[in-house]
């Protein structure tokens, strides 16, 4: 697979504007689930990939939406309905995103010796996060213990996507052509739609936490 062509560096002004627009779009999608809950994702890891018309720009758009959902869940009242709606959306989002990312990007990147370890690491973390989501789904989300476990998930997921954006995507971008990256975006969108339609929030075991 051919290497990428050199890209013209973005000016800081253009990049800031592009970042802001991409983040606003992602936050608006999250806010549609619970309009009255504040969504403040704060600072994000610096990246030149946000807003690009390729698979990396698309993946980071999802990451920003997930950051917003995490912040919104953290801001919810355990007695209301918003937490349940937002958590269900987060579960469906993270599960479908991971499956689509693995097919669109990591299945190809795994075959290149230069990036095999990056891809394996990302996929392994997907499995860990999936287990944490299933554990949370099986517990009473109105309890204080649930929020403690949710905080651990948030920490783990934010660490995961920061690594992807600053290390794994950068290394992967270097071995892919522009055409590869744009085609992967199409694959990602198609697979994510199918995965999200099929995904379920279905705990296998109900576990009670002491409030």
Protein backbone atom coordinates (compact mmCIF):
# COMPACT_ATOMS: atom_id res chain seq x y z
CA UNK A 1 0.00 0.00 0.00
CA UNK A 2 1.44 3.33 -1.01
CA UNK A 3 2.43 5.95 1.50
CA UNK A 4 0.52 9.15 1.96
CA UNK A 5 1.24 12.36 0.13
CA UNK A 6 2.63 15.27 2.08
CA UNK A 7 -0.12 17.57 3.29
CA UNK A 8 0.04 21.31 3.56
CA UNK A 9 0.11 22.30 7.22
CA UNK A 10 -3.03 24.08 8.39
CA UNK A 11 -2.66 27.54 9.88
CA UNK A 12 -3.56 27.70 13.56
CA UNK A 13 -6.54 29.96 12.76
CA UNK A 14 -7.97 27.60 10.14
CA UNK A 15 -7.40 24.59 12.37
CA UNK A 16 -9.09 26.26 15.36
CA UNK A 17 -12.11 27.15 13.24
CA UNK A 18 -12.30 23.62 11.80
CA UNK A 19 -11.96 22.08 15.27
CA UNK A 20 -14.71 24.30 16.69
CA UNK A 21 -17.15 23.47 13.89
CA UNK A 22 -16.48 19.73 14.15
CA UNK A 23 -16.91 19.77 17.93
CA UNK A 24 -20.13 21.77 17.72
CA UNK A 25 -21.57 19.28 15.22
CA UNK A 26 -20.70 16.35 17.50
CA UNK A 27 -22.09 18.04 20.62
CA UNK A 28 -25.34 18.91 18.85
CA UNK A 29 -25.85 15.23 17.99
CA UNK A 30 -25.37 14.26 21.64
CA UNK A 31 -27.64 17.06 22.87
CA UNK A 32 -30.48 15.76 20.69
CA UNK A 33 -30.84 12.84 23.13
CA UNK A 34 -31.38 15.07 26.20
CA UNK A 35 -31.57 18.76 25.25
CA UNK A 36 -31.81 20.02 28.83
CA UNK A 37 -28.59 18.36 30.04
CA UNK A 38 -25.42 20.47 29.71
CA UNK A 39 -22.64 19.10 27.48
CA UNK A 40 -19.17 20.46 28.13
CA UNK A 41 -16.40 18.31 26.66
CA UNK A 42 -13.66 20.79 27.58
CA UNK A 43 -10.15 20.51 26.17
CA UNK A 44 -9.34 17.64 23.86
CA UNK A 45 -5.98 16.19 22.75
CA UNK A 46 -4.41 18.25 19.99
CA UNK A 47 -4.75 16.68 16.55
CA UNK A 48 -4.56 17.75 12.91
CA UNK A 49 -7.03 15.01 11.93
CA UNK A 50 -10.28 16.49 13.28
CA UNK A 51 -12.58 17.66 10.49
CA UNK A 52 -10.77 15.83 7.67
CA UNK A 53 -12.99 14.27 4.95
CA UNK A 54 -11.56 10.80 5.59
CA UNK A 55 -11.91 7.97 8.08
CA UNK A 56 -9.82 9.75 10.73
CA UNK A 57 -11.96 12.87 10.63
CA UNK A 58 -15.07 10.68 10.88
CA UNK A 59 -13.71 8.68 13.82
CA UNK A 60 -12.80 11.82 15.74
CA UNK A 61 -16.27 13.23 15.08
CA UNK A 62 -17.63 10.17 16.88
CA UNK A 63 -15.07 10.56 19.67
CA UNK A 64 -16.24 14.12 20.30
CA UNK A 65 -19.85 12.96 20.39
CA UNK A 66 -18.86 10.30 22.92
CA UNK A 67 -17.02 12.88 25.03
CA UNK A 68 -20.22 14.93 25.11
CA UNK A 69 -22.36 11.93 26.07
CA UNK A 70 -19.97 11.03 28.89
CA UNK A 71 -20.07 14.59 30.24
CA UNK A 72 -23.85 14.69 29.99
CA UNK A 73 -24.30 11.41 31.87
CA UNK A 74 -22.03 12.73 34.59
CA UNK A 75 -24.27 15.82 34.87
CA UNK A 76 -27.53 13.89 35.22
CA UNK A 77 -29.68 13.42 38.29
CA UNK A 78 -29.98 9.76 39.23
CA UNK A 79 -33.71 10.19 39.85
CA UNK A 80 -34.48 11.40 36.32
CA UNK A 81 -34.90 9.65 32.98
CA UNK A 82 -32.11 11.46 31.14
CA UNK A 83 -29.38 9.21 32.54
CA UNK A 84 -31.04 6.06 31.19
CA UNK A 85 -31.58 7.57 27.73
CA UNK A 86 -28.05 8.94 27.51
CA UNK A 87 -26.45 5.74 28.76
CA UNK A 88 -28.37 3.62 26.26
CA UNK A 89 -27.21 5.93 23.47
CA UNK A 90 -23.62 5.74 24.75
CA UNK A 91 -23.71 1.93 24.77
CA UNK A 92 -25.11 1.71 21.24
CA UNK A 93 -22.64 4.34 20.04
CA UNK A 94 -19.52 2.79 21.56
CA UNK A 95 -20.35 -0.75 20.50
CA UNK A 96 -21.22 0.16 16.90
CA UNK A 97 -18.28 2.57 16.63
CA UNK A 98 -15.78 -0.06 17.78
CA UNK A 99 -17.11 -2.73 15.40
CA UNK A 100 -17.09 -0.35 12.44
CA UNK A 101 -13.63 0.99 13.28
CA UNK A 102 -12.23 -2.53 13.42
CA UNK A 103 -13.60 -3.39 9.99
CA UNK A 104 -12.91 -0.09 8.25
CA UNK A 105 -9.45 0.69 9.68
CA UNK A 106 -7.82 -1.88 11.92
CA UNK A 107 -8.43 -4.91 9.68
CA UNK A 108 -6.15 -3.26 7.10
CA UNK A 109 -3.67 -1.71 9.51
CA UNK A 110 -3.16 -5.06 11.28
CA UNK A 111 -1.60 -6.48 8.09
CA UNK A 112 1.22 -3.92 8.03
CA UNK A 113 4.18 -4.84 10.28
CA UNK A 114 4.76 -1.15 11.07
CA UNK A 115 1.36 -0.76 12.69
CA UNK A 116 0.31 -4.24 13.79
CA UNK A 117 0.94 -3.57 17.48
CA UNK A 118 -0.97 -0.27 17.42
CA UNK A 119 -3.98 -2.02 15.90
CA UNK A 120 -3.86 -4.95 18.33
CA UNK A 121 -3.69 -2.56 21.27
CA UNK A 122 -6.70 -0.58 20.04
CA UNK A 123 -8.80 -3.72 19.46
CA UNK A 124 -7.88 -5.14 22.88
CA UNK A 125 -9.00 -1.92 24.55
CA UNK A 126 -12.29 -2.10 22.65
CA UNK A 127 -12.95 -5.45 24.31
CA UNK A 128 -12.12 -4.08 27.78
CA UNK A 129 -14.46 -1.12 27.30
CA UNK A 130 -17.20 -3.42 26.02
CA UNK A 131 -17.00 -5.46 29.24
CA UNK A 132 -17.22 -2.29 31.34
CA UNK A 133 -20.33 -1.20 29.43
CA UNK A 134 -22.00 -4.58 29.97
CA UNK A 135 -21.17 -4.45 33.68
CA UNK A 136 -22.72 -0.99 34.01
CA UNK A 137 -25.81 -2.07 32.06
CA UNK A 138 -26.38 -4.87 34.59
CA UNK A 139 -26.37 -2.52 37.59
CA UNK A 140 -28.73 -0.01 39.16
CA UNK A 141 -27.80 3.30 37.55
CA UNK A 142 -29.50 5.22 40.34
CA UNK A 143 -26.87 4.18 42.89
CA UNK A 144 -23.73 6.07 43.92
CA UNK A 145 -21.68 2.93 43.19
CA UNK A 146 -22.90 3.05 39.58
CA UNK A 147 -21.53 6.54 39.15
CA UNK A 148 -18.19 5.43 40.61
CA UNK A 149 -18.02 2.62 38.05
CA UNK A 150 -19.13 5.03 35.34
CA UNK A 151 -16.28 7.38 36.28
CA UNK A 152 -13.85 4.48 35.76
CA UNK A 153 -15.36 3.81 32.32
CA UNK A 154 -15.09 7.49 31.40
CA UNK A 155 -11.43 7.59 32.45
CA UNK A 156 -10.64 4.43 30.48
CA UNK A 157 -12.46 5.56 27.34
CA UNK A 158 -10.98 9.06 27.30
CA UNK A 159 -7.52 7.55 27.67
CA UNK A 160 -8.27 5.13 24.82
CA UNK A 161 -9.41 7.75 22.33
CA UNK A 162 -6.59 10.12 23.27
CA UNK A 163 -4.11 7.35 22.42
CA UNK A 164 -5.89 6.68 19.15
CA UNK A 165 -5.94 10.33 18.10
CA UNK A 166 -2.37 11.18 19.05
CA UNK A 167 -0.54 7.92 18.35
CA UNK A 168 -2.43 5.12 16.60
CA UNK A 169 -4.23 7.21 13.98
CA UNK A 170 -1.06 9.18 13.23
CA UNK A 171 0.96 5.98 12.68
CA UNK A 172 -1.85 4.48 10.57
CA UNK A 173 -2.24 7.61 8.45
CA UNK A 174 1.41 7.34 7.42
CA UNK A 175 0.88 3.97 5.67
CA UNK A 176 -2.42 4.77 3.92
CA UNK A 177 -3.14 6.68 0.73
CA UNK A 178 -5.70 9.47 0.62
CA UNK A 179 -7.93 7.21 -1.48
CA UNK A 180 -7.64 4.46 1.16
CA UNK A 181 -8.66 6.83 3.91
CA UNK A 182 -11.67 8.18 2.03
CA UNK A 183 -12.84 4.67 1.10
CA UNK A 184 -12.47 3.60 4.74
CA UNK A 185 -14.80 6.42 5.76
CA UNK A 186 -17.48 4.97 3.47
CA UNK A 187 -16.94 1.50 4.94
CA UNK A 188 -17.09 2.88 8.47
CA UNK A 189 -20.35 4.75 7.89
CA UNK A 190 -22.02 1.71 6.31
CA UNK A 191 -20.88 -0.73 9.00
CA UNK A 192 -21.65 1.60 11.90
CA UNK A 193 -25.23 2.15 10.72
CA UNK A 194 -25.81 -1.60 10.48
CA UNK A 195 -24.16 -2.32 13.82
CA UNK A 196 -26.09 0.39 15.66
CA UNK A 197 -29.41 -0.86 14.29
CA UNK A 198 -28.57 -4.37 15.50
CA UNK A 199 -27.04 -3.43 18.86
CA UNK A 200 -28.97 -3.94 22.11
CA UNK A 201 -28.69 -2.81 25.69
CA UNK A 202 -29.29 -6.26 27.12
CA UNK A 203 -27.61 -7.11 30.43
CA UNK A 204 -27.09 -10.81 31.06
CA UNK A 205 -27.27 -10.51 34.84
CA UNK A 206 -28.82 -7.91 37.11
CA UNK A 207 -26.33 -6.89 39.78
CA UNK A 208 -27.38 -4.73 42.71
CA UNK A 209 -25.11 -2.04 44.14
CA UNK A 210 -25.56 -0.56 47.58
CA UNK A 211 -26.42 3.13 47.20
